[in-house]
Amino acid sequence: MIIFGTKGYLYQLAILTMVCGWCGNPAAHTLRKRVTKFTLFFIPLFPFSTKYATQCTFCGGEQQISQEQADQLLAQHGAGPDGRSGQAPQQPGFTQPGQPGQPGQSPFQR
């Protein structure tokens, strides 16, 4: 007996601020990638379907987009292909060691 089937994987690539096409509010949208893989004996072997979508966090409206549109949104957002941006966001007013200003000291420290 051969056991086969499919399994879905959902990856969150980025969170973008856009105007929603459903509710018209400027809100955060999650950019998601859904990959469906063929499984044999519960072991995922290869992907056979990949879809991209954005979902509004305000109203929950979801819109399917193409891979080219998803890549363009990631490029505008400044994230890499894995969904992570090149640098961690820095808190305003904090200088890291080796940068001009007071090295490694927060402006709130005296």
PDB file of N, CA and C in Angstrom:
ATOM      1  N   MET A   1       0.842  -1.171   0.000  1.00  0.00           N
ATOM      2  CA  MET A   1       0.000   0.000   0.000  1.00  0.00           C
ATOM      3  C   MET A   1       0.897   1.247   0.000  1.00  0.00           C
ATOM      4  N   ILE A   2       0.579   2.203  -0.870  1.00  0.00           N
ATOM      5  CA  ILE A   2       1.325   3.450  -0.981  1.00  0.00           C
ATOM      6  C   ILE A   2       0.458   4.576  -0.425  1.00  0.00           C
ATOM      7  N   ILE A   3       1.032   5.339   0.501  1.00  0.00           N
ATOM      8  CA  ILE A   3       0.313   6.464   1.099  1.00  0.00           C
ATOM      9  C   ILE A   3       0.896   7.751   0.527  1.00  0.00           C
ATOM     10  N   PHE A   4       0.051   8.533  -0.161  1.00  0.00           N
ATOM     11  CA  PHE A   4       0.504   9.797  -0.724  1.00  0.00           C
ATOM     12  C   PHE A   4      -0.546  10.868  -0.466  1.00  0.00           C
ATOM     13  N   GLY A   5      -0.141  12.107  -0.633  1.00  0.00           N
ATOM     14  CA  GLY A   5      -1.059  13.219  -0.412  1.00  0.00           C
ATOM     15  C   GLY A   5      -0.353  14.547  -0.615  1.00  0.00           C
ATOM     16  N   THR A   6      -0.888  15.590   0.024  1.00  0.00           N
ATOM     17  CA  THR A   6      -0.309  16.928  -0.071  1.00  0.00           C
ATOM     18  C   THR A   6      -0.230  17.556   1.313  1.00  0.00           C
ATOM     19  N   LYS A   7       0.650  18.533   1.427  1.00  0.00           N
ATOM     20  CA  LYS A   7       0.753  19.298   2.657  1.00  0.00           C
ATOM     21  C   LYS A   7       1.029  20.747   2.285  1.00  0.00           C
ATOM     22  N   GLY A   8       0.346  21.660   2.949  1.00  0.00           N
ATOM     23  CA  GLY A   8       0.510  23.082   2.678  1.00  0.00           C
ATOM     24  C   GLY A   8       1.411  23.752   3.690  1.00  0.00           C
ATOM     25  N   TYR A   9       2.230  24.686   3.212  1.00  0.00           N
ATOM     26  CA  TYR A   9       3.126  25.472   4.049  1.00  0.00           C
ATOM     27  C   TYR A   9       2.823  26.945   3.793  1.00  0.00           C
ATOM     28  N   LEU A  10       2.760  27.733   4.853  1.00  0.00           N
ATOM     29  CA  LEU A  10       2.469  29.153   4.742  1.00  0.00           C
ATOM     30  C   LEU A  10       3.651  29.942   5.308  1.00  0.00           C
ATOM     31  N   TYR A  11       4.249  30.796   4.476  1.00  0.00           N
ATOM     32  CA  TYR A  11       5.391  31.606   4.877  1.00  0.00           C
ATOM     33  C   TYR A  11       4.991  33.071   4.859  1.00  0.00           C
ATOM     34  N   GLN A  12       5.278  33.803   5.938  1.00  0.00           N
ATOM     35  CA  GLN A  12       5.045  35.240   5.968  1.00  0.00           C
ATOM     36  C   GLN A  12       6.330  35.915   5.517  1.00  0.00           C
ATOM     37  N   LEU A  13       6.281  36.596   4.382  1.00  0.00           N
ATOM     38  CA  LEU A  13       7.476  37.195   3.797  1.00  0.00           C
ATOM     39  C   LEU A  13       7.755  38.595   4.328  1.00  0.00           C
ATOM     40  N   ALA A  14       6.704  39.397   4.549  1.00  0.00           N
ATOM     41  CA  ALA A  14       6.898  40.773   5.012  1.00  0.00           C
ATOM     42  C   ALA A  14       5.580  41.329   5.520  1.00  0.00           C
ATOM     43  N   ILE A  15       5.691  42.423   6.253  1.00  0.00           N
ATOM     44  CA  ILE A  15       4.519  43.198   6.654  1.00  0.00           C
ATOM     45  C   ILE A  15       4.691  44.577   6.035  1.00  0.00           C
ATOM     46  N   LEU A  16       3.758  44.959   5.178  1.00  0.00           N
ATOM     47  CA  LEU A  16       3.848  46.191   4.404  1.00  0.00           C
ATOM     48  C   LEU A  16       2.699  47.119   4.763  1.00  0.00           C
ATOM     49  N   THR A  17       2.922  48.419   4.690  1.00  0.00           N
ATOM     50  CA  THR A  17       1.845  49.386   4.890  1.00  0.00           C
ATOM     51  C   THR A  17       1.371  49.838   3.522  1.00  0.00           C
ATOM     52  N   MET A  18       0.107  49.539   3.211  1.00  0.00           N
ATOM     53  CA  MET A  18      -0.491  49.884   1.927  1.00  0.00           C
ATOM     54  C   MET A  18      -1.931  50.301   2.158  1.00  0.00           C
ATOM     55  N   VAL A  19      -2.537  50.892   1.128  1.00  0.00           N
ATOM     56  CA  VAL A  19      -3.958  51.205   1.172  1.00  0.00           C
ATOM     57  C   VAL A  19      -4.707  49.962   0.706  1.00  0.00           C
ATOM     58  N   CYS A  20      -5.652  49.516   1.517  1.00  0.00           N
ATOM     59  CA  CYS A  20      -6.391  48.288   1.232  1.00  0.00           C
ATOM     60  C   CYS A  20      -7.358  48.501   0.067  1.00  0.00           C
ATOM     61  N   GLY A  21      -7.404  47.541  -0.829  1.00  0.00           N
ATOM     62  CA  GLY A  21      -8.331  47.595  -1.949  1.00  0.00           C
ATOM     63  C   GLY A  21      -9.758  47.254  -1.554  1.00  0.00           C
ATOM     64  N   TRP A  22      -9.934  46.613  -0.396  1.00  0.00           N
ATOM     65  CA  TRP A  22     -11.269  46.231   0.056  1.00  0.00           C
ATOM     66  C   TRP A  22     -11.918  47.310   0.908  1.00  0.00           C
ATOM     67  N   CYS A  23     -11.214  47.768   1.946  1.00  0.00           N
ATOM     68  CA  CYS A  23     -11.811  48.726   2.882  1.00  0.00           C
ATOM     69  C   CYS A  23     -11.346  50.155   2.654  1.00  0.00           C
ATOM     70  N   GLY A  24     -10.260  50.362   1.892  1.00  0.00           N
ATOM     71  CA  GLY A  24      -9.779  51.698   1.591  1.00  0.00           C
ATOM     72  C   GLY A  24      -8.955  52.338   2.693  1.00  0.00           C
ATOM     73  N   ASN A  25      -8.665  51.617   3.762  1.00  0.00           N
ATOM     74  CA  ASN A  25      -7.872  52.154   4.871  1.00  0.00           C
ATOM     75  C   ASN A  25      -6.389  51.912   4.636  1.00  0.00           C
ATOM     76  N   PRO A  26      -5.536  52.886   5.002  1.00  0.00           N
ATOM     77  CA  PRO A  26      -4.094  52.613   4.985  1.00  0.00           C
ATOM     78  C   PRO A  26      -3.749  51.759   6.197  1.00  0.00           C
ATOM     79  N   ALA A  27      -3.419  50.520   5.967  1.00  0.00           N
ATOM     80  CA  ALA A  27      -3.190  49.574   7.071  1.00  0.00           C
ATOM     81  C   ALA A  27      -2.046  48.642   6.722  1.00  0.00           C
ATOM     82  N   ALA A  28      -1.591  47.909   7.722  1.00  0.00           N
ATOM     83  CA  ALA A  28      -0.547  46.908   7.513  1.00  0.00           C
ATOM     84  C   ALA A  28      -1.128  45.727   6.740  1.00  0.00           C
ATOM     85  N   HIS A  29      -0.345  45.212   5.827  1.00  0.00           N
ATOM     86  CA  HIS A  29      -0.717  44.035   5.045  1.00  0.00           C
ATOM     87  C   HIS A  29       0.388  43.001   5.197  1.00  0.00           C
ATOM     88  N   THR A  30       0.008  41.748   5.340  1.00  0.00           N
ATOM     89  CA  THR A  30       0.999  40.683   5.381  1.00  0.00           C
ATOM     90  C   THR A  30       1.153  40.120   3.974  1.00  0.00           C
ATOM     91  N   LEU A  31       2.394  39.957   3.561  1.00  0.00           N
ATOM     92  CA  LEU A  31       2.696  39.335   2.278  1.00  0.00           C
ATOM     93  C   LEU A  31       3.024  37.885   2.577  1.00  0.00           C
ATOM     94  N   ARG A  32       2.230  36.973   2.016  1.00  0.00           N
ATOM     95  CA  ARG A  32       2.367  35.552   2.332  1.00  0.00           C
ATOM     96  C   ARG A  32       2.619  34.726   1.091  1.00  0.00           C
ATOM     97  N   LYS A  33       3.352  33.640   1.303  1.00  0.00           N
ATOM     98  CA  LYS A  33       3.632  32.674   0.239  1.00  0.00           C
ATOM     99  C   LYS A  33       3.091  31.321   0.700  1.00  0.00           C
ATOM    100  N   ARG A  34       2.211  30.722  -0.103  1.00  0.00           N
ATOM    101  CA  ARG A  34       1.649  29.413   0.220  1.00  0.00           C
ATOM    102  C   ARG A  34       2.211  28.383  -0.756  1.00  0.00           C
ATOM    103  N   VAL A  35       2.884  27.376  -0.203  1.00  0.00           N
ATOM    104  CA  VAL A  35       3.490  26.318  -1.010  1.00  0.00           C
ATOM    105  C   VAL A  35       2.806  25.006  -0.675  1.00  0.00           C
ATOM    106  N   THR A  36       2.340  24.303  -1.698  1.00  0.00           N
ATOM    107  CA  THR A  36       1.738  22.987  -1.523  1.00  0.00           C
ATOM    108  C   THR A  36       2.710  21.944  -2.056  1.00  0.00           C
ATOM    109  N   LYS A  37       3.046  20.967  -1.218  1.00  0.00           N
ATOM    110  CA  LYS A  37       4.027  19.946  -1.593  1.00  0.00           C
ATOM    111  C   LYS A  37       3.373  18.569  -1.660  1.00  0.00           C
ATOM    112  N   PHE A  38       3.858  17.770  -2.594  1.00  0.00           N
ATOM    113  CA  PHE A  38       3.431  16.377  -2.725  1.00  0.00           C
ATOM    114  C   PHE A  38       4.148  15.561  -1.657  1.00  0.00           C
ATOM    115  N   THR A  39       3.411  14.700  -0.960  1.00  0.00           N
ATOM    116  CA  THR A  39       4.013  13.868   0.082  1.00  0.00           C
ATOM    117  C   THR A  39       3.868  12.392  -0.269  1.00  0.00           C
ATOM    118  N   LEU A  40       4.863  11.629   0.102  1.00  0.00           N
ATOM    119  CA  LEU A  40       4.844  10.182  -0.050  1.00  0.00           C
ATOM    120  C   LEU A  40       5.231   9.589   1.296  1.00  0.00           C
ATOM    121  N   PHE A  41       4.330   8.833   1.879  1.00  0.00           N
ATOM    122  CA  PHE A  41       4.500   8.293   3.230  1.00  0.00           C
ATOM    123  C   PHE A  41       4.773   9.424   4.233  1.00  0.00           C
ATOM    124  N   PHE A  42       4.001  10.527   4.087  1.00  0.00           N
ATOM    125  CA  PHE A  42       4.052  11.700   4.973  1.00  0.00           C
ATOM    126  C   PHE A  42       5.366  12.469   4.899  1.00  0.00           C
ATOM    127  N   ILE A  43       6.177  12.205   3.874  1.00  0.00           N
ATOM    128  CA  ILE A  43       7.428  12.929   3.677  1.00  0.00           C
ATOM    129  C   ILE A  43       7.234  13.885   2.493  1.00  0.00           C
ATOM    130  N   PRO A  44       7.366  15.208   2.734  1.00  0.00           N
ATOM    131  CA  PRO A  44       7.211  16.146   1.611  1.00  0.00           C
ATOM    132  C   PRO A  44       8.356  15.982   0.613  1.00  0.00           C
ATOM    133  N   LEU A  45       8.007  15.792  -0.664  1.00  0.00           N
ATOM    134  CA  LEU A  45       9.020  15.529  -1.682  1.00  0.00           C
ATOM    135  C   LEU A  45       9.316  16.742  -2.559  1.00  0.00           C
ATOM    136  N   PHE A  46       8.290  17.316  -3.188  1.00  0.00           N
ATOM    137  CA  PHE A  46       8.537  18.443  -4.085  1.00  0.00           C
ATOM    138  C   PHE A  46       7.310  19.351  -4.110  1.00  0.00           C
ATOM    139  N   PRO A  47       7.539  20.655  -4.308  1.00  0.00           N
ATOM    140  CA  PRO A  47       6.412  21.585  -4.391  1.00  0.00           C
ATOM    141  C   PRO A  47       5.753  21.487  -5.769  1.00  0.00           C
ATOM    142  N   PHE A  48       4.428  21.542  -5.796  1.00  0.00           N
ATOM    143  CA  PHE A  48       3.756  21.564  -7.091  1.00  0.00           C
ATOM    144  C   PHE A  48       2.833  22.758  -7.241  1.00  0.00           C
ATOM    145  N   SER A  49       2.718  23.578  -6.203  1.00  0.00           N
ATOM    146  CA  SER A  49       1.915  24.786  -6.304  1.00  0.00           C
ATOM    147  C   SER A  49       2.493  25.844  -5.366  1.00  0.00           C
ATOM    148  N   THR A  50       2.683  27.054  -5.900  1.00  0.00           N
ATOM    149  CA  THR A  50       3.155  28.187  -5.105  1.00  0.00           C
ATOM    150  C   THR A  50       2.277  29.382  -5.434  1.00  0.00           C
ATOM    151  N   LYS A  51       1.675  29.979  -4.405  1.00  0.00           N
ATOM    152  CA  LYS A  51       0.806  31.132  -4.598  1.00  0.00           C
ATOM    153  C   LYS A  51       1.200  32.228  -3.615  1.00  0.00           C
ATOM    154  N   TYR A  52       1.012  33.470  -4.035  1.00  0.00           N
ATOM    155  CA  TYR A  52       1.326  34.634  -3.213  1.00  0.00           C
ATOM    156  C   TYR A  52       0.044  35.420  -2.976  1.00  0.00           C
ATOM    157  N   ALA A  53      -0.055  36.046  -1.781  1.00  0.00           N
ATOM    158  CA  ALA A  53      -1.234  36.843  -1.460  1.00  0.00           C
ATOM    159  C   ALA A  53      -0.862  37.907  -0.432  1.00  0.00           C
ATOM    160  N   THR A  54      -1.637  38.995  -0.434  1.00  0.00           N
ATOM    161  CA  THR A  54      -1.534  40.001   0.615  1.00  0.00           C
ATOM    162  C   THR A  54      -2.842  39.985   1.385  1.00  0.00           C
ATOM    163  N   GLN A  55      -2.758  40.202   2.701  1.00  0.00           N
ATOM    164  CA  GLN A  55      -3.949  40.220   3.538  1.00  0.00           C
ATOM    165  C   GLN A  55      -3.923  41.458   4.417  1.00  0.00           C
ATOM    166  N   CYS A  56      -5.022  42.203   4.422  1.00  0.00           N
ATOM    167  CA  CYS A  56      -5.158  43.409   5.226  1.00  0.00           C
ATOM    168  C   CYS A  56      -5.363  43.010   6.683  1.00  0.00           C
ATOM    169  N   THR A  57      -4.622  43.645   7.580  1.00  0.00           N
ATOM    170  CA  THR A  57      -4.777  43.336   8.998  1.00  0.00           C
ATOM    171  C   THR A  57      -5.956  44.089   9.609  1.00  0.00           C
ATOM    172  N   PHE A  58      -6.525  45.055   8.888  1.00  0.00           N
ATOM    173  CA  PHE A  58      -7.651  45.824   9.402  1.00  0.00           C
ATOM    174  C   PHE A  58      -8.970  45.115   9.135  1.00  0.00           C
ATOM    175  N   CYS A  59      -9.211  44.750   7.867  1.00  0.00           N
ATOM    176  CA  CYS A  59     -10.499  44.140   7.510  1.00  0.00           C
ATOM    177  C   CYS A  59     -10.395  42.649   7.215  1.00  0.00           C
ATOM    178  N   GLY A  60      -9.169  42.136   7.014  1.00  0.00           N
ATOM    179  CA  GLY A  60      -8.988  40.717   6.719  1.00  0.00           C
ATOM    180  C   GLY A  60      -9.117  40.374   5.249  1.00  0.00           C
ATOM    181  N   GLY A  61      -9.318  41.379   4.393  1.00  0.00           N
ATOM    182  CA  GLY A  61      -9.435  41.132   2.956  1.00  0.00           C
ATOM    183  C   GLY A  61      -8.145  40.591   2.383  1.00  0.00           C
ATOM    184  N   GLU A  62      -8.256  39.573   1.536  1.00  0.00           N
ATOM    185  CA  GLU A  62      -7.082  38.933   0.954  1.00  0.00           C
ATOM    186  C   GLU A  62      -7.124  39.058  -0.553  1.00  0.00           C
ATOM    187  N   GLN A  63      -5.952  39.322  -1.147  1.00  0.00           N
ATOM    188  CA  GLN A  63      -5.864  39.472  -2.586  1.00  0.00           C
ATOM    189  C   GLN A  63      -4.720  38.614  -3.106  1.00  0.00           C
ATOM    190  N   GLN A  64      -5.004  37.753  -4.083  1.00  0.00           N
ATOM    191  CA  GLN A  64      -3.977  36.927  -4.716  1.00  0.00           C
ATOM    192  C   GLN A  64      -3.144  37.805  -5.638  1.00  0.00           C
ATOM    193  N   ILE A  65      -1.823  37.633  -5.615  1.00  0.00           N
ATOM    194  CA  ILE A  65      -0.938  38.387  -6.489  1.00  0.00           C
ATOM    195  C   ILE A  65       0.023  37.423  -7.164  1.00  0.00           C
ATOM    196  N   SER A  66       0.677  37.897  -8.223  1.00  0.00           N
ATOM    197  CA  SER A  66       1.633  37.052  -8.942  1.00  0.00           C
ATOM    198  C   SER A  66       2.986  37.082  -8.242  1.00  0.00           C
ATOM    199  N   GLN A  67       3.877  36.194  -8.649  1.00  0.00           N
ATOM    200  CA  GLN A  67       5.215  36.146  -8.072  1.00  0.00           C
ATOM    201  C   GLN A  67       5.987  37.424  -8.400  1.00  0.00           C
ATOM    202  N   GLU A  68       5.787  37.967  -9.588  1.00  0.00           N
ATOM    203  CA  GLU A  68       6.461  39.202  -9.972  1.00  0.00           C
ATOM    204  C   GLU A  68       6.020  40.361  -9.079  1.00  0.00           C
ATOM    205  N   GLN A  69       4.718  40.437  -8.788  1.00  0.00           N
ATOM    206  CA  GLN A  69       4.222  41.489  -7.900  1.00  0.00           C
ATOM    207  C   GLN A  69       4.780  41.316  -6.489  1.00  0.00           C
ATOM    208  N   ALA A  70       4.872  40.073  -6.017  1.00  0.00           N
ATOM    209  CA  ALA A  70       5.412  39.811  -4.684  1.00  0.00           C
ATOM    210  C   ALA A  70       6.881  40.206  -4.620  1.00  0.00           C
ATOM    211  N   ASP A  71       7.654  39.888  -5.660  1.00  0.00           N
ATOM    212  CA  ASP A  71       9.063  40.271  -5.698  1.00  0.00           C
ATOM    213  C   ASP A  71       9.213  41.786  -5.724  1.00  0.00           C
ATOM    214  N   GLN A  72       8.327  42.468  -6.453  1.00  0.00           N
ATOM    215  CA  GLN A  72       8.375  43.924  -6.522  1.00  0.00           C
ATOM    216  C   GLN A  72       8.059  44.542  -5.161  1.00  0.00           C
ATOM    217  N   LEU A  73       7.062  44.001  -4.457  1.00  0.00           N
ATOM    218  CA  LEU A  73       6.719  44.509  -3.129  1.00  0.00           C
ATOM    219  C   LEU A  73       7.870  44.280  -2.147  1.00  0.00           C
ATOM    220  N   LEU A  74       8.520  43.129  -2.238  1.00  0.00           N
ATOM    221  CA  LEU A  74       9.670  42.854  -1.365  1.00  0.00           C
ATOM    222  C   LEU A  74      10.823  43.809  -1.657  1.00  0.00           C
ATOM    223  N   ALA A  75      11.045  44.104  -2.937  1.00  0.00           N
ATOM    224  CA  ALA A  75      12.117  45.025  -3.307  1.00  0.00           C
ATOM    225  C   ALA A  75      11.817  46.433  -2.796  1.00  0.00           C
ATOM    226  N   GLN A  76      10.565  46.867  -2.880  1.00  0.00           N
ATOM    227  CA  GLN A  76      10.182  48.185  -2.382  1.00  0.00           C
ATOM    228  C   GLN A  76      10.297  48.244  -0.868  1.00  0.00           C
ATOM    229  N   HIS A  77      10.020  47.147  -0.221  1.00  0.00           N
ATOM    230  CA  HIS A  77      10.068  47.094   1.241  1.00  0.00           C
ATOM    231  C   HIS A  77      11.499  47.028   1.749  1.00  0.00           C
ATOM    232  N   GLY A  78      12.419  46.596   0.907  1.00  0.00           N
ATOM    233  CA  GLY A  78      13.817  46.505   1.313  1.00  0.00           C
ATOM    234  C   GLY A  78      14.173  45.174   1.921  1.00  0.00           C
ATOM    235  N   ALA A  79      13.343  44.173   1.752  1.00  0.00           N
ATOM    236  CA  ALA A  79      13.620  42.853   2.304  1.00  0.00           C
ATOM    237  C   ALA A  79      14.258  41.978   1.232  1.00  0.00           C
ATOM    238  N   GLY A  80      15.011  41.001   1.691  1.00  0.00           N
ATOM    239  CA  GLY A  80      15.632  40.050   0.778  1.00  0.00           C
ATOM    240  C   GLY A  80      14.643  38.984   0.353  1.00  0.00           C
ATOM    241  N   PRO A  81      15.063  38.018  -0.463  1.00  0.00           N
ATOM    242  CA  PRO A  81      14.167  36.976  -0.934  1.00  0.00           C
ATOM    243  C   PRO A  81      13.669  36.054   0.173  1.00  0.00           C
ATOM    244  N   ASP A  82      14.386  36.013   1.296  1.00  0.00           N
ATOM    245  CA  ASP A  82      13.927  35.181   2.401  1.00  0.00           C
ATOM    246  C   ASP A  82      12.962  35.931   3.310  1.00  0.00           C
ATOM    247  N   GLY A  83      12.662  37.193   3.001  1.00  0.00           N
ATOM    248  CA  GLY A  83      11.709  37.956   3.782  1.00  0.00           C
ATOM    249  C   GLY A  83      12.330  38.766   4.901  1.00  0.00           C
ATOM    250  N   ARG A  84      13.640  38.648   5.092  1.00  0.00           N
ATOM    251  CA  ARG A  84      14.296  39.388   6.170  1.00  0.00           C
ATOM    252  C   ARG A  84      15.019  40.594   5.588  1.00  0.00           C
ATOM    253  N   SER A  85      14.946  41.701   6.277  1.00  0.00           N
ATOM    254  CA  SER A  85      15.651  42.886   5.801  1.00  0.00           C
ATOM    255  C   SER A  85      17.134  42.762   6.145  1.00  0.00           C
ATOM    256  N   GLY A  86      17.945  43.562   5.476  1.00  0.00           N
ATOM    257  CA  GLY A  86      19.382  43.470   5.641  1.00  0.00           C
ATOM    258  C   GLY A  86      19.873  43.819   7.027  1.00  0.00           C
ATOM    259  N   GLN A  87      19.232  44.767   7.700  1.00  0.00           N
ATOM    260  CA  GLN A  87      19.649  45.172   9.028  1.00  0.00           C
ATOM    261  C   GLN A  87      18.461  45.161   9.961  1.00  0.00           C
ATOM    262  N   ALA A  88      18.745  44.982  11.228  1.00  0.00           N
ATOM    263  CA  ALA A  88      17.687  45.082  12.217  1.00  0.00           C
ATOM    264  C   ALA A  88      17.342  46.556  12.401  1.00  0.00           C
ATOM    265  N   PRO A  89      16.064  46.866  12.624  1.00  0.00           N
ATOM    266  CA  PRO A  89      15.708  48.267  12.814  1.00  0.00           C
ATOM    267  C   PRO A  89      16.366  48.817  14.067  1.00  0.00           C
ATOM    268  N   GLN A  90      16.822  50.046  13.965  1.00  0.00           N
ATOM    269  CA  GLN A  90      17.520  50.665  15.076  1.00  0.00           C
ATOM    270  C   GLN A  90      16.600  51.645  15.775  1.00  0.00           C
ATOM    271  N   GLN A  91      16.649  51.661  17.074  1.00  0.00           N
ATOM    272  CA  GLN A  91      15.831  52.564  17.853  1.00  0.00           C
ATOM    273  C   GLN A  91      16.356  53.979  17.686  1.00  0.00           C
ATOM    274  N   PRO A  92      15.482  54.972  17.484  1.00  0.00           N
ATOM    275  CA  PRO A  92      15.955  56.343  17.298  1.00  0.00           C
ATOM    276  C   PRO A  92      16.727  56.832  18.522  1.00  0.00           C
ATOM    277  N   GLY A  93      17.821  57.567  18.273  1.00  0.00           N
ATOM    278  CA  GLY A  93      18.582  58.153  19.353  1.00  0.00           C
ATOM    279  C   GLY A  93      19.632  57.249  19.966  1.00  0.00           C
ATOM    280  N   PHE A  94      19.755  56.024  19.478  1.00  0.00           N
ATOM    281  CA  PHE A  94      20.732  55.093  20.043  1.00  0.00           C
ATOM    282  C   PHE A  94      21.875  54.947  19.068  1.00  0.00           C
ATOM    283  N   THR A  95      23.096  55.126  19.537  1.00  0.00           N
ATOM    284  CA  THR A  95      24.267  54.936  18.681  1.00  0.00           C
ATOM    285  C   THR A  95      24.949  53.635  19.061  1.00  0.00           C
ATOM    286  N   GLN A  96      25.281  52.853  18.056  1.00  0.00           N
ATOM    287  CA  GLN A  96      25.957  51.588  18.298  1.00  0.00           C
ATOM    288  C   GLN A  96      27.446  51.835  18.479  1.00  0.00           C
ATOM    289  N   PRO A  97      28.170  50.923  19.127  1.00  0.00           N
ATOM    290  CA  PRO A  97      29.615  51.096  19.310  1.00  0.00           C
ATOM    291  C   PRO A  97      30.312  51.253  17.969  1.00  0.00           C
ATOM    292  N   GLY A  98      31.258  52.192  17.922  1.00  0.00           N
ATOM    293  CA  GLY A  98      32.013  52.420  16.693  1.00  0.00           C
ATOM    294  C   GLY A  98      31.400  53.472  15.797  1.00  0.00           C
ATOM    295  N   GLN A  99      30.226  54.008  16.144  1.00  0.00           N
ATOM    296  CA  GLN A  99      29.600  55.052  15.352  1.00  0.00           C
ATOM    297  C   GLN A  99      29.917  56.407  15.978  1.00  0.00           C
ATOM    298  N   PRO A 100      29.816  57.487  15.200  1.00  0.00           N
ATOM    299  CA  PRO A 100      30.079  58.808  15.759  1.00  0.00           C
ATOM    300  C   PRO A 100      29.128  59.115  16.910  1.00  0.00           C
ATOM    301  N   GLY A 101      29.568  59.979  17.772  1.00  0.00           N
ATOM    302  CA  GLY A 101      28.778  60.314  18.955  1.00  0.00           C
ATOM    303  C   GLY A 101      29.390  59.634  20.151  1.00  0.00           C
ATOM    304  N   GLN A 102      28.606  59.408  21.159  1.00  0.00           N
ATOM    305  CA  GLN A 102      29.097  58.726  22.346  1.00  0.00           C
ATOM    306  C   GLN A 102      29.085  57.238  22.060  1.00  0.00           C
ATOM    307  N   PRO A 103      30.242  56.607  21.972  1.00  0.00           N
ATOM    308  CA  PRO A 103      30.288  55.199  21.556  1.00  0.00           C
ATOM    309  C   PRO A 103      29.570  54.266  22.522  1.00  0.00           C
ATOM    310  N   GLY A 104      28.563  53.560  21.958  1.00  0.00           N
ATOM    311  CA  GLY A 104      27.876  52.525  22.716  1.00  0.00           C
ATOM    312  C   GLY A 104      27.043  53.013  23.869  1.00  0.00           C
ATOM    313  N   GLN A 105      26.686  54.287  23.892  1.00  0.00           N
ATOM    314  CA  GLN A 105      25.932  54.806  25.017  1.00  0.00           C
ATOM    315  C   GLN A 105      24.629  55.382  24.519  1.00  0.00           C
ATOM    316  N   SER A 106      23.565  55.078  25.199  1.00  0.00           N
ATOM    317  CA  SER A 106      22.252  55.618  24.873  1.00  0.00           C
ATOM    318  C   SER A 106      22.208  57.081  25.307  1.00  0.00           C
ATOM    319  N   PRO A 107      21.493  57.948  24.607  1.00  0.00           N
ATOM    320  CA  PRO A 107      21.411  59.348  25.023  1.00  0.00           C
ATOM    321  C   PRO A 107      20.688  59.512  26.361  1.00  0.00           C
ATOM    322  N   PHE A 108      20.033  58.475  26.844  1.00  0.00           N
ATOM    323  CA  PHE A 108      19.313  58.541  28.104  1.00  0.00           C
ATOM    324  C   PHE A 108      20.217  58.223  29.291  1.00  0.00           C
ATOM    325  N   GLN A 109      21.418  57.683  29.001  1.00  0.00           N
ATOM    326  CA  GLN A 109      22.379  57.409  30.068  1.00  0.00           C
ATOM    327  C   GLN A 109      23.225  58.652  30.302  1.00  0.00           C
ATOM    328  N   ARG A 110      23.611  58.901  31.530  1.00  0.00           N
ATOM    329  CA  ARG A 110      24.431  60.085  31.841  1.00  0.00           C
ATOM    330  C   ARG A 110      25.710  59.690  32.480  1.00  0.00           C
TER     331      ARG A 110
END
